[in-house]
C-alpha atoms as a PDB file:
ATOM      1  CA  MET A   1      -0.660  -1.448 -20.773  1.00  0.00           C
ATOM      2  CA  LYS A   2      -0.705  -0.101 -24.311  1.00  0.00           C
ATOM      3  CA  LYS A   3       0.747   3.235 -25.325  1.00  0.00           C
ATOM      4  CA  TRP A   4      -0.849   6.442 -24.128  1.00  0.00           C
ATOM      5  CA  VAL A   5      -3.188   8.291 -26.495  1.00  0.00           C
ATOM      6  CA  ILE A   6      -3.844  12.046 -26.276  1.00  0.00           C
ATOM      7  CA  ILE A   7      -7.279  13.553 -26.906  1.00  0.00           C
ATOM      8  CA  PRO A   8      -7.310  17.371 -26.838  1.00  0.00           C
ATOM      9  CA  SER A   9     -10.388  19.516 -26.306  1.00  0.00           C
ATOM     10  CA  ASN A  10     -11.492  22.152 -28.790  1.00  0.00           C
ATOM     11  CA  LYS A  11      -9.417  24.749 -26.912  1.00  0.00           C
ATOM     12  CA  ILE A  12      -6.014  23.208 -27.599  1.00  0.00           C
ATOM     13  CA  CYS A  13      -4.117  20.984 -30.057  1.00  0.00           C
ATOM     14  CA  VAL A  14      -1.642  18.157 -29.452  1.00  0.00           C
ATOM     15  CA  GLU A  15       1.340  20.288 -30.500  1.00  0.00           C
ATOM     16  CA  ASP A  16       0.383  22.963 -27.963  1.00  0.00           C
ATOM     17  CA  ILE A  17       0.095  20.319 -25.240  1.00  0.00           C
ATOM     18  CA  ARG A  18       3.566  18.968 -25.935  1.00  0.00           C
ATOM     19  CA  GLU A  19       5.083  22.458 -25.994  1.00  0.00           C
ATOM     20  CA  TYR A  20       3.294  23.405 -22.784  1.00  0.00           C
ATOM     21  CA  CYS A  21       4.548  20.304 -20.942  1.00  0.00           C
ATOM     22  CA  SER A  22       8.086  20.722 -22.281  1.00  0.00           C
ATOM     23  CA  SER A  23       8.232  24.361 -21.184  1.00  0.00           C
ATOM     24  CA  CYS A  24       6.901  23.393 -17.753  1.00  0.00           C
ATOM     25  CA  ARG A  25       9.679  20.841 -17.243  1.00  0.00           C
ATOM     26  CA  ARG A  26      12.282  23.279 -18.562  1.00  0.00           C
ATOM     27  CA  GLU A  27      11.148  26.121 -16.305  1.00  0.00           C
ATOM     28  CA  THR A  28      10.992  23.780 -13.314  1.00  0.00           C
ATOM     29  CA  ARG A  29      14.579  22.674 -13.853  1.00  0.00           C
ATOM     30  CA  GLU A  30      15.747  26.258 -14.198  1.00  0.00           C
ATOM     31  CA  LEU A  31      13.899  27.430 -11.087  1.00  0.00           C
ATOM     32  CA  GLY A  32      14.765  24.433  -8.923  1.00  0.00           C
ATOM     33  CA  LYS A  33      11.127  24.246  -7.846  1.00  0.00           C
ATOM     34  CA  PRO A  34       7.756  23.526  -9.491  1.00  0.00           C
ATOM     35  CA  SER A  35       7.107  26.159 -12.134  1.00  0.00           C
ATOM     36  CA  LEU A  36       3.958  28.263 -12.128  1.00  0.00           C
ATOM     37  CA  LYS A  37       2.737  26.045 -14.956  1.00  0.00           C
ATOM     38  CA  ALA A  38       3.142  23.011 -12.686  1.00  0.00           C
ATOM     39  CA  MET A  39       1.342  24.840  -9.886  1.00  0.00           C
ATOM     40  CA  ASP A  40      -1.572  25.490 -12.253  1.00  0.00           C
ATOM     41  CA  CYS A  41      -1.679  21.985 -13.774  1.00  0.00           C
ATOM     42  CA  TRP A  42      -4.391  19.725 -12.327  1.00  0.00           C
ATOM     43  CA  LYS A  43      -5.198  16.127 -13.152  1.00  0.00           C
ATOM     44  CA  ILE A  44      -8.267  13.933 -12.594  1.00  0.00           C
ATOM     45  CA  ILE A  45      -7.596  10.190 -12.562  1.00  0.00           C
ATOM     46  CA  VAL A  46     -10.167   7.673 -13.790  1.00  0.00           C
ATOM     47  CA  SER A  47      -9.409   3.941 -13.556  1.00  0.00           C
ATOM     48  CA  LEU A  48     -12.119   1.478 -14.551  1.00  0.00           C
ATOM     49  CA  ASP A  49     -12.449  -2.010 -15.955  1.00  0.00           C
ATOM     50  CA  THR A  50     -12.512  -2.154 -19.741  1.00  0.00           C
ATOM     51  CA  GLU A  51     -16.258  -2.862 -19.840  1.00  0.00           C
ATOM     52  CA  LYS A  52     -17.001   0.527 -18.238  1.00  0.00           C
ATOM     53  CA  PHE A  53     -14.045   2.490 -19.535  1.00  0.00           C
ATOM     54  CA  SER A  54     -15.242   3.145 -23.092  1.00  0.00           C
ATOM     55  CA  LYS A  55     -18.417   4.788 -21.821  1.00  0.00           C
ATOM     56  CA  ALA A  56     -16.449   6.790 -19.248  1.00  0.00           C
ATOM     57  CA  LEU A  57     -14.078   8.040 -21.942  1.00  0.00           C
ATOM     58  CA  ASP A  58     -16.984   9.265 -24.070  1.00  0.00           C
ATOM     59  CA  ILE A  59     -18.364  11.145 -21.061  1.00  0.00           C
ATOM     60  CA  ILE A  60     -15.012  12.786 -20.358  1.00  0.00           C
ATOM     61  CA  ARG A  61     -14.655  13.872 -23.984  1.00  0.00           C
ATOM     62  CA  ASP A  62     -18.089  15.491 -23.946  1.00  0.00           C
ATOM     63  CA  ILE A  63     -17.519  17.332 -20.663  1.00  0.00           C
ATOM     64  CA  ILE A  64     -14.112  18.797 -21.580  1.00  0.00           C
ATOM     65  CA  GLU A  65     -15.093  19.669 -25.145  1.00  0.00           C
ATOM     66  CA  ASP A  66     -14.942  23.432 -24.568  1.00  0.00           C
ATOM     67  CA  ALA A  67     -12.549  23.502 -21.585  1.00  0.00           C
ATOM     68  CA  TRP A  68      -8.786  24.093 -21.496  1.00  0.00           C
ATOM     69  CA  CYS A  69      -8.175  20.390 -20.831  1.00  0.00           C
ATOM     70  CA  TRP A  70      -6.983  17.244 -22.503  1.00  0.00           C
ATOM     71  CA  ILE A  71      -7.129  13.488 -21.930  1.00  0.00           C
ATOM     72  CA  GLU A  72      -4.323  10.953 -21.903  1.00  0.00           C
ATOM     73  CA  TYR A  73      -5.555   7.389 -21.763  1.00  0.00           C
ATOM     74  CA  SER A  74      -4.302   3.828 -22.002  1.00  0.00           C
ATOM     75  CA  VAL A  75      -6.178   0.516 -22.089  1.00  0.00           C
ATOM     76  CA  ASN A  76      -5.225  -3.108 -21.599  1.00  0.00           C
ATOM     77  CA  GLU A  77      -7.309  -6.278 -21.378  1.00  0.00           C
ATOM     78  CA  GLU A  78      -8.424  -5.641 -17.808  1.00  0.00           C
ATOM     79  CA  GLU A  79      -8.628  -1.877 -17.255  1.00  0.00           C
ATOM     80  CA  GLY A  80      -8.450   1.552 -18.762  1.00  0.00           C
ATOM     81  CA  ILE A  81      -6.837   4.613 -17.214  1.00  0.00           C
ATOM     82  CA  ALA A  82      -7.641   8.165 -18.243  1.00  0.00           C
ATOM     83  CA  ILE A  83      -5.835  11.218 -16.901  1.00  0.00           C
ATOM     84  CA  THR A  84      -7.674  14.449 -17.615  1.00  0.00           C
ATOM     85  CA  THR A  85      -5.372  17.461 -17.316  1.00  0.00           C
ATOM     86  CA  CYS A  86      -6.829  20.925 -16.832  1.00  0.00           C
ATOM     87  CA  ARG A  87      -5.193  24.303 -16.620  1.00  0.00           C
ATOM     88  CA  LYS A  88      -6.376  26.100 -13.453  1.00  0.00           C
ATOM     89  CA  TRP A  89      -7.727  24.515 -10.282  1.00  0.00           C
ATOM     90  CA  SER A  90     -11.224  25.949 -10.777  1.00  0.00           C
ATOM     91  CA  THR A  91     -11.520  24.282 -14.195  1.00  0.00           C
ATOM     92  CA  MET A  92     -10.394  20.932 -12.817  1.00  0.00           C
ATOM     93  CA  TRP A  93     -12.777  21.155  -9.854  1.00  0.00           C
ATOM     94  CA  SER A  94     -15.737  21.936 -12.113  1.00  0.00           C
ATOM     95  CA  VAL A  95     -14.882  19.180 -14.609  1.00  0.00           C
ATOM     96  CA  ARG A  96     -14.307  16.689 -11.781  1.00  0.00           C
ATOM     97  CA  GLU A  97     -17.678  17.460 -10.209  1.00  0.00           C
ATOM     98  CA  GLN A  98     -19.443  16.992 -13.544  1.00  0.00           C
ATOM     99  CA  LEU A  99     -17.652  13.684 -14.086  1.00  0.00           C
ATOM    100  CA  ILE A 100     -18.544  12.410 -10.606  1.00  0.00           C
ATOM    101  CA  ASN A 101     -22.215  13.257 -11.080  1.00  0.00           C
ATOM    102  CA  LYS A 102     -22.399  11.705 -14.551  1.00  0.00           C
ATOM    103  CA  PHE A 103     -20.435   8.595 -13.550  1.00  0.00           C
ATOM    104  CA  LEU A 104     -22.769   8.056 -10.577  1.00  0.00           C
ATOM    105  CA  GLU A 105     -25.788   8.503 -12.822  1.00  0.00           C
ATOM    106  CA  GLU A 106     -24.412   5.915 -15.257  1.00  0.00           C
ATOM    107  CA  ARG A 107     -23.360   3.599 -12.383  1.00  0.00           C
ATOM    108  CA  LEU A 108     -19.722   3.680 -13.430  1.00  0.00           C
ATOM    109  CA  ILE A 109     -18.561   4.488  -9.882  1.00  0.00           C
ATOM    110  CA  ALA A 110     -20.114   3.650  -6.504  1.00  0.00           C
ATOM    111  CA  LYS A 111     -18.999   6.683  -4.474  1.00  0.00           C
ATOM    112  CA  PRO A 112     -18.906  10.436  -5.198  1.00  0.00           C
ATOM    113  CA  TYR A 113     -15.145  10.635  -5.528  1.00  0.00           C
ATOM    114  CA  LEU A 114     -12.456  10.692  -8.205  1.00  0.00           C
ATOM    115  CA  PRO A 115      -8.742  11.030  -7.349  1.00  0.00           C
ATOM    116  CA  TYR A 116      -7.008  14.234  -8.384  1.00  0.00           C
ATOM    117  CA  ARG A 117      -3.582  15.815  -8.070  1.00  0.00           C
ATOM    118  CA  ARG A 118      -1.386  18.697  -9.173  1.00  0.00           C
ATOM    119  CA  GLY A 119       1.375  18.410 -11.772  1.00  0.00           C
ATOM    120  CA  GLY A 120       3.156  15.232 -12.805  1.00  0.00           C
ATOM    121  CA  ASN A 121       3.927  12.576 -10.198  1.00  0.00           C
ATOM    122  CA  TYR A 122       7.538  12.573 -11.413  1.00  0.00           C
ATOM    123  CA  TYR A 123       7.931  15.993  -9.765  1.00  0.00           C
ATOM    124  CA  ASP A 124       7.178  14.506  -6.335  1.00  0.00           C
ATOM    125  CA  ARG A 125      10.536  12.761  -6.257  1.00  0.00           C
ATOM    126  CA  ASP A 126      12.402  16.055  -6.425  1.00  0.00           C
ATOM    127  CA  TYR A 127      10.006  18.521  -4.816  1.00  0.00           C
ATOM    128  CA  GLY A 128       7.950  16.477  -2.361  1.00  0.00           C
ATOM    129  CA  PRO A 129       4.179  15.937  -2.105  1.00  0.00           C
ATOM    130  CA  TRP A 130       2.206  18.212  -4.406  1.00  0.00           C
ATOM    131  CA  ARG A 131      -0.049  19.407  -1.590  1.00  0.00           C
ATOM    132  CA  LEU A 132       3.008  20.954   0.078  1.00  0.00           C
ATOM    133  CA  TRP A 133       4.351  22.784  -2.958  1.00  0.00           C
ATOM    134  CA  ALA A 134       2.613  26.020  -1.998  1.00  0.00           C
ATOM    135  CA  ILE A 135       3.917  26.145   1.590  1.00  0.00           C
ATOM    136  CA  ARG A 136       7.431  25.080   0.517  1.00  0.00           C
ATOM    137  CA  TYR A 137       7.897  27.131  -2.635  1.00  0.00           C
ATOM    138  CA  TYR A 138       5.130  29.759  -2.819  1.00  0.00           C
ATOM    139  CA  PRO A 139       4.100  30.533   0.785  1.00  0.00           C
ATOM    140  CA  GLU A 140       2.942  33.974  -0.284  1.00  0.00           C
ATOM    141  CA  LYS A 141      -0.030  32.248  -1.921  1.00  0.00           C
ATOM    142  CA  LEU A 142      -1.353  31.056   1.445  1.00  0.00           C
ATOM    143  CA  PRO A 143      -3.477  33.179   3.797  1.00  0.00           C
ATOM    144  CA  VAL A 144      -2.216  31.041   6.716  1.00  0.00           C
ATOM    145  CA  THR A 145       1.197  29.368   6.953  1.00  0.00           C
ATOM    146  CA  ASN A 146       1.132  28.157  10.571  1.00  0.00           C
ATOM    147  CA  ILE A 147      -1.452  25.374  10.667  1.00  0.00           C
ATOM    148  CA  ALA A 148      -0.941  24.896  14.410  1.00  0.00           C
ATOM    149  CA  SER A 149      -3.384  27.799  14.774  1.00  0.00           C
ATOM    150  CA  ILE A 150      -6.119  26.108  12.709  1.00  0.00           C
ATOM    151  CA  LYS A 151      -9.292  25.206  14.585  1.00  0.00           C
ATOM    152  CA  THR A 152     -11.848  22.673  13.406  1.00  0.00           C
ATOM    153  CA  LEU A 153     -14.504  20.401  14.855  1.00  0.00           C
ATOM    154  CA  CYS A 154     -14.753  16.664  14.215  1.00  0.00           C
ATOM    155  CA  PRO A 155     -17.664  15.934  11.853  1.00  0.00           C
ATOM    156  CA  HIS A 156     -18.527  12.783  13.831  1.00  0.00           C
ATOM    157  CA  ASP A 157     -18.703  13.954  17.448  1.00  0.00           C
ATOM    158  CA  GLY A 158     -18.207  17.721  17.396  1.00  0.00           C
ATOM    159  CA  ALA A 159     -15.004  17.584  19.441  1.00  0.00           C
ATOM    160  CA  LEU A 160     -12.292  20.174  18.824  1.00  0.00           C
ATOM    161  CA  MET A 161      -9.586  18.458  16.808  1.00  0.00           C
ATOM    162  CA  GLU A 162      -6.034  18.820  18.090  1.00  0.00           C
ATOM    163  CA  TYR A 163      -2.869  19.640  16.152  1.00  0.00           C
ATOM    164  CA  THR A 164      -0.360  16.784  16.492  1.00  0.00           C
ATOM    165  CA  GLY A 165       2.569  18.363  14.672  1.00  0.00           C
ATOM    166  CA  LYS A 166       1.709  16.621  11.396  1.00  0.00           C
ATOM    167  CA  GLY A 167      -2.032  17.088  11.172  1.00  0.00           C
ATOM    168  CA  LEU A 168      -5.314  17.393  13.048  1.00  0.00           C
ATOM    169  CA  LYS A 169      -6.721  14.524  15.121  1.00  0.00           C
ATOM    170  CA  CYS A 170      -9.946  13.928  17.016  1.00  0.00           C
ATOM    171  CA  MET A 171      -8.969  12.429  20.363  1.00  0.00           C
ATOM    172  CA  LEU A 172     -12.441  10.917  20.802  1.00  0.00           C
ATOM    173  CA  CYS A 173     -13.012   9.033  17.537  1.00  0.00           C
ATOM    174  CA  GLY A 174      -9.494   9.011  16.080  1.00  0.00           C
ATOM    175  CA  LEU A 175     -10.262  10.778  12.794  1.00  0.00           C
ATOM    176  CA  TYR A 176      -6.992  12.172  11.442  1.00  0.00           C
ATOM    177  CA  ILE A 177      -6.519  14.819   8.751  1.00  0.00           C
ATOM    178  CA  PRO A 178      -2.886  15.050   7.530  1.00  0.00           C
ATOM    179  CA  GLU A 179      -1.117  18.378   7.148  1.00  0.00           C
ATOM    180  CA  THR A 180      -0.919  17.874   3.389  1.00  0.00           C
ATOM    181  CA  THR A 181      -4.702  18.062   3.089  1.00  0.00           C
ATOM    182  CA  ILE A 182      -4.862  21.012   5.480  1.00  0.00           C
ATOM    183  CA  TYR A 183      -2.437  23.034   3.348  1.00  0.00           C
ATOM    184  CA  GLU A 184      -4.335  22.098   0.196  1.00  0.00           C
ATOM    185  CA  THR A 185      -7.566  23.306   1.797  1.00  0.00           C
ATOM    186  CA  ILE A 186      -6.044  26.604   2.879  1.00  0.00           C
ATOM    187  CA  GLU A 187      -4.593  27.220  -0.575  1.00  0.00           C
ATOM    188  CA  ASN A 188      -7.653  26.406  -2.700  1.00  0.00           C
ATOM    189  CA  GLY A 189     -10.457  27.055  -0.227  1.00  0.00           C
ATOM    190  CA  VAL A 190     -11.853  23.534  -0.520  1.00  0.00           C
ATOM    191  CA  SER A 191     -10.518  19.977  -0.780  1.00  0.00           C
ATOM    192  CA  GLU A 192     -11.686  16.410  -0.461  1.00  0.00           C
ATOM    193  CA  TYR A 193     -10.076  13.748   1.699  1.00  0.00           C
ATOM    194  CA  ARG A 194     -10.541   9.974   1.569  1.00  0.00           C
ATOM    195  CA  PRO A 195      -8.575   8.007   4.207  1.00  0.00           C
ATOM    196  CA  ARG A 196      -6.857   4.951   2.759  1.00  0.00           C
ATOM    197  CA  THR A 197      -6.569   3.004   6.013  1.00  0.00           C
ATOM    198  CA  GLY A 198      -8.160   2.802   9.435  1.00  0.00           C
ATOM    199  CA  LEU A 199     -11.687   3.008  10.807  1.00  0.00           C
ATOM    200  CA  TYR A 200     -12.778   5.661   8.319  1.00  0.00           C
ATOM    201  CA  LYS A 201     -11.247   4.065   5.240  1.00  0.00           C
ATOM    202  CA  GLU A 202     -13.102   4.952   2.043  1.00  0.00           C
ATOM    203  CA  LYS A 203     -15.272   7.594   3.716  1.00  0.00           C
ATOM    204  CA  ILE A 204     -15.111  10.956   1.973  1.00  0.00           C
ATOM    205  CA  TYR A 205     -14.747  14.297   3.706  1.00  0.00           C
ATOM    206  CA  ILE A 206     -15.121  17.823   2.340  1.00  0.00           C
ATOM    207  CA  LEU A 207     -12.867  20.436   3.928  1.00  0.00           C
ATOM    208  CA  ARG A 208     -13.465  24.175   3.541  1.00  0.00           C
ATOM    209  CA  TYR A 209     -11.229  26.983   4.715  1.00  0.00           C
ATOM    210  CA  ILE A 210     -13.647  29.612   6.012  1.00  0.00           C
ATOM    211  CA  GLY A 211     -11.140  32.197   7.199  1.00  0.00           C
ATOM    212  CA  ALA A 212     -10.133  33.311  10.680  1.00  0.00           C
ATOM    213  CA  ASP A 213      -7.945  30.196  11.035  1.00  0.00           C
ATOM    214  CA  LYS A 214     -10.962  27.892  10.799  1.00  0.00           C
ATOM    215  CA  ILE A 215     -11.663  24.847   8.654  1.00  0.00           C
ATOM    216  CA  LEU A 216     -15.081  23.227   8.316  1.00  0.00           C
ATOM    217  CA  ILE A 217     -15.073  19.429   7.841  1.00  0.00           C
ATOM    218  CA  GLU A 218     -18.167  17.583   6.632  1.00  0.00           C
ATOM    219  CA  ARG A 219     -18.948  14.063   5.502  1.00  0.00           C
ATOM    220  CA  LYS A 220     -19.675  13.952   1.787  1.00  0.00           C
ATOM    221  CA  HIS A 221     -23.046  12.260   1.407  1.00  0.00           C
ATOM    222  CA  SER A 222     -24.423  14.179  -1.570  1.00  0.00           C
ATOM    223  CA  THR A 223     -23.399  13.564  -5.144  1.00  0.00           C
ATOM    224  CA  THR A 224     -22.321  17.122  -5.722  1.00  0.00           C
ATOM    225  CA  ILE A 225     -20.279  19.515  -3.669  1.00  0.00           C
ATOM    226  CA  ASN A 226     -22.497  22.382  -4.839  1.00  0.00           C
ATOM    227  CA  GLN A 227     -25.424  20.934  -2.864  1.00  0.00           C
ATOM    228  CA  ILE A 228     -23.668  22.122   0.289  1.00  0.00           C
ATOM    229  CA  ILE A 229     -24.865  25.722   0.400  1.00  0.00           C
ATOM    230  CA  ASN A 230     -23.683  28.398   2.829  1.00  0.00           C
ATOM    231  CA  PRO A 231     -21.888  26.079   5.293  1.00  0.00           C
ATOM    232  CA  HIS A 232     -22.009  27.403   8.838  1.00  0.00           C
ATOM    233  CA  TYR A 233     -19.144  26.718  11.207  1.00  0.00           C
ATOM    234  CA  PRO A 234     -20.525  25.264  14.493  1.00  0.00           C
ATOM    235  CA  PRO A 235     -20.287  27.656  17.492  1.00  0.00           C
END
């Protein structure tokens, strides 16, 4: 892999990016936990073969042009990787949705999903999985801290999913949602989950926290999350 190249949007310059990242690492060390900058730093990961990557990079540049975001990318003979960093979850979620829709339109990806995360992965070694940063370090940000009380229905068979101590599981079909994704959903109001193994590998689920200790889980069939309007929790 070649060296990483930074492409800023019109909202920020390279010097500002470097200062922002340096201050985030400094504040995190001083606090002994992810800084508020780290909590508000969101990344979208795009990995494609080199034939598709150049077109994808142009699309990303156009979409983030007027957003508080920047791109870091690297290319070798076989693939290109672009990490788009956005300040604020809402900005990342909007940019990610636009990228998914455009990539599907241009046949750069086959499914309506792009990986995303919070902060730098180097923080995970010291502070644990990024989806648990809120419950571990900023629990006051969460409307619910005891996920054992969460109720949700399986999107496949309508059965009430049971809390296992580490997540929610459907005892009929075996669908399992880990606690990390549950906490992410509670914190941000919505999340997406793609199992990496098992019967439902590569399927995509949308989770919404709808208050009153309830989460709505749906299969993601549409190309845009905004096509799901006024979701109604089953009785």
